[in-house]
Amino acid sequence: MGGRACEGVTCAAAPTHPFGQTVVIPKLAGLVGSGIFIVQDRGSAVTKMRASQGTAEVIDVYLAGSRRSCAKRMIELTRKVGYYTEAIIQ
């Protein structure tokens, strides 16, 4: 892992993206931090799963809290921004 996980900062991305790379997710601005995240982790969600039959990147944004509270927040966020949204990898 590239650093301590912090909500509104940390995201996980595939190994093709180096630790420290910036990912901007405009629709999450104000909902989860500023919408600007740093690749600090890897995980099965991003290394094994690819959206749209492999044509889209999978970025996993860190949410702090219990599994149950994170699941509730994920549902709320999905209702607001959708399951798939634009991510700008810088």
C-alpha atoms as a PDB file:
ATOM      1  CA  MET A   1       0.000   0.000   0.000  1.00  0.00           C
ATOM      2  CA  GLY A   2       1.238   3.480  -0.841  1.00  0.00           C
ATOM      3  CA  GLY A   3       0.050   5.273   2.311  1.00  0.00           C
ATOM      4  CA  ARG A   4      -2.489   5.281   5.112  1.00  0.00           C
ATOM      5  CA  ALA A   5      -6.053   5.069   3.769  1.00  0.00           C
ATOM      6  CA  CYS A   6      -7.982   8.293   4.246  1.00  0.00           C
ATOM      7  CA  GLU A   7     -11.550   9.014   3.130  1.00  0.00           C
ATOM      8  CA  GLY A   8     -11.688  11.714   0.487  1.00  0.00           C
ATOM      9  CA  VAL A   9      -8.074  11.046  -0.508  1.00  0.00           C
ATOM     10  CA  THR A  10      -7.361   7.337  -1.050  1.00  0.00           C
ATOM     11  CA  CYS A  11      -8.422   5.269  -4.030  1.00  0.00           C
ATOM     12  CA  ALA A  12      -7.383   1.889  -5.368  1.00  0.00           C
ATOM     13  CA  ALA A  13      -6.507   1.367  -9.020  1.00  0.00           C
ATOM     14  CA  ALA A  14      -5.062  -1.319 -11.264  1.00  0.00           C
ATOM     15  CA  PRO A  15      -1.290  -1.930 -11.239  1.00  0.00           C
ATOM     16  CA  THR A  16      -1.014  -0.006 -14.521  1.00  0.00           C
ATOM     17  CA  HIS A  17      -1.470   3.166 -12.432  1.00  0.00           C
ATOM     18  CA  PRO A  18       1.461   3.974 -10.149  1.00  0.00           C
ATOM     19  CA  PHE A  19       1.041   4.829  -6.491  1.00  0.00           C
ATOM     20  CA  GLY A  20       0.774   8.600  -6.123  1.00  0.00           C
ATOM     21  CA  GLN A  21      -1.087   9.124  -9.406  1.00  0.00           C
ATOM     22  CA  THR A  22      -4.005  11.577  -9.194  1.00  0.00           C
ATOM     23  CA  VAL A  23      -7.548  10.553 -10.131  1.00  0.00           C
ATOM     24  CA  VAL A  24     -10.252  13.219 -10.433  1.00  0.00           C
ATOM     25  CA  ILE A  25     -13.887  12.139 -10.179  1.00  0.00           C
ATOM     26  CA  PRO A  26     -15.847  15.377 -10.684  1.00  0.00           C
ATOM     27  CA  LYS A  27     -19.261  14.007  -9.647  1.00  0.00           C
ATOM     28  CA  LEU A  28     -17.910  13.021  -6.217  1.00  0.00           C
ATOM     29  CA  ALA A  29     -16.713  16.573  -5.420  1.00  0.00           C
ATOM     30  CA  GLY A  30     -18.419  17.638  -2.206  1.00  0.00           C
ATOM     31  CA  LEU A  31     -19.802  14.156  -1.603  1.00  0.00           C
ATOM     32  CA  VAL A  32     -16.511  12.380  -0.863  1.00  0.00           C
ATOM     33  CA  GLY A  33     -13.881  15.020  -0.229  1.00  0.00           C
ATOM     34  CA  SER A  34     -12.996  17.303  -3.110  1.00  0.00           C
ATOM     35  CA  GLY A  35     -13.347  14.586  -5.743  1.00  0.00           C
ATOM     36  CA  ILE A  36      -9.558  14.430  -6.156  1.00  0.00           C
ATOM     37  CA  PHE A  37      -8.019  11.131  -5.080  1.00  0.00           C
ATOM     38  CA  ILE A  38      -4.528   9.610  -4.910  1.00  0.00           C
ATOM     39  CA  VAL A  39      -3.808   6.012  -5.942  1.00  0.00           C
ATOM     40  CA  GLN A  40      -2.571   4.437  -2.700  1.00  0.00           C
ATOM     41  CA  ASP A  41      -3.860   0.881  -2.899  1.00  0.00           C
ATOM     42  CA  ARG A  42      -4.601  -2.143  -5.059  1.00  0.00           C
ATOM     43  CA  GLY A  43      -7.374  -4.664  -4.525  1.00  0.00           C
ATOM     44  CA  SER A  44      -9.387  -7.455  -6.063  1.00  0.00           C
ATOM     45  CA  ALA A  45     -12.135  -5.010  -7.071  1.00  0.00           C
ATOM     46  CA  VAL A  46      -9.738  -3.177  -9.366  1.00  0.00           C
ATOM     47  CA  THR A  47      -7.398  -5.946 -10.466  1.00  0.00           C
ATOM     48  CA  LYS A  48      -9.961  -8.656 -11.274  1.00  0.00           C
ATOM     49  CA  MET A  49     -13.018  -6.638 -12.263  1.00  0.00           C
ATOM     50  CA  ARG A  50     -13.309  -4.423 -15.332  1.00  0.00           C
ATOM     51  CA  ALA A  51     -16.452  -2.526 -16.237  1.00  0.00           C
ATOM     52  CA  SER A  52     -18.076  -2.622 -19.680  1.00  0.00           C
ATOM     53  CA  GLN A  53     -16.402  -5.859 -20.821  1.00  0.00           C
ATOM     54  CA  GLY A  54     -12.942  -4.504 -20.079  1.00  0.00           C
ATOM     55  CA  THR A  55     -13.242  -1.127 -21.794  1.00  0.00           C
ATOM     56  CA  ALA A  56     -13.494   1.036 -18.668  1.00  0.00           C
ATOM     57  CA  GLU A  57     -11.142   1.534 -15.730  1.00  0.00           C
ATOM     58  CA  VAL A  58     -12.234   0.442 -12.261  1.00  0.00           C
ATOM     59  CA  ILE A  59     -11.378   2.882  -9.483  1.00  0.00           C
ATOM     60  CA  ASP A  60     -12.296   2.016  -5.893  1.00  0.00           C
ATOM     61  CA  VAL A  61     -12.719   5.063  -3.646  1.00  0.00           C
ATOM     62  CA  TYR A  62     -12.078   4.489   0.067  1.00  0.00           C
ATOM     63  CA  LEU A  63     -14.992   5.170   2.433  1.00  0.00           C
ATOM     64  CA  ALA A  64     -14.338   5.157   6.179  1.00  0.00           C
ATOM     65  CA  GLY A  65     -16.604   3.412   8.665  1.00  0.00           C
ATOM     66  CA  SER A  66     -18.132   0.045   9.339  1.00  0.00           C
ATOM     67  CA  ARG A  67     -19.017  -2.328   6.532  1.00  0.00           C
ATOM     68  CA  ARG A  68     -22.697  -1.577   7.077  1.00  0.00           C
ATOM     69  CA  SER A  69     -22.317   2.215   7.096  1.00  0.00           C
ATOM     70  CA  CYS A  70     -20.096   2.089   3.992  1.00  0.00           C
ATOM     71  CA  ALA A  71     -22.678  -0.063   2.194  1.00  0.00           C
ATOM     72  CA  LYS A  72     -25.400   2.483   2.992  1.00  0.00           C
ATOM     73  CA  ARG A  73     -23.234   5.370   1.811  1.00  0.00           C
ATOM     74  CA  MET A  74     -22.360   3.501  -1.376  1.00  0.00           C
ATOM     75  CA  ILE A  75     -26.060   3.074  -2.159  1.00  0.00           C
ATOM     76  CA  GLU A  76     -26.659   6.803  -1.542  1.00  0.00           C
ATOM     77  CA  LEU A  77     -23.695   7.787  -3.714  1.00  0.00           C
ATOM     78  CA  THR A  78     -24.802   5.445  -6.492  1.00  0.00           C
ATOM     79  CA  ARG A  79     -28.241   7.070  -6.491  1.00  0.00           C
ATOM     80  CA  LYS A  80     -26.663  10.527  -6.772  1.00  0.00           C
ATOM     81  CA  VAL A  81     -23.881   9.933  -9.312  1.00  0.00           C
ATOM     82  CA  GLY A  82     -24.597   6.532 -10.854  1.00  0.00           C
ATOM     83  CA  TYR A  83     -22.581   3.337 -10.659  1.00  0.00           C
ATOM     84  CA  TYR A  84     -20.345   4.354 -13.546  1.00  0.00           C
ATOM     85  CA  THR A  85     -19.057   7.901 -13.866  1.00  0.00           C
ATOM     86  CA  GLU A  86     -16.229   9.856 -15.423  1.00  0.00           C
ATOM     87  CA  ALA A  87     -12.793   9.509 -13.828  1.00  0.00           C
ATOM     88  CA  ILE A  88      -9.927  11.641 -15.092  1.00  0.00           C
ATOM     89  CA  ILE A  89      -6.590   9.933 -14.541  1.00  0.00           C
ATOM     90  CA  GLN A  90      -3.754  12.441 -14.474  1.00  0.00           C
END
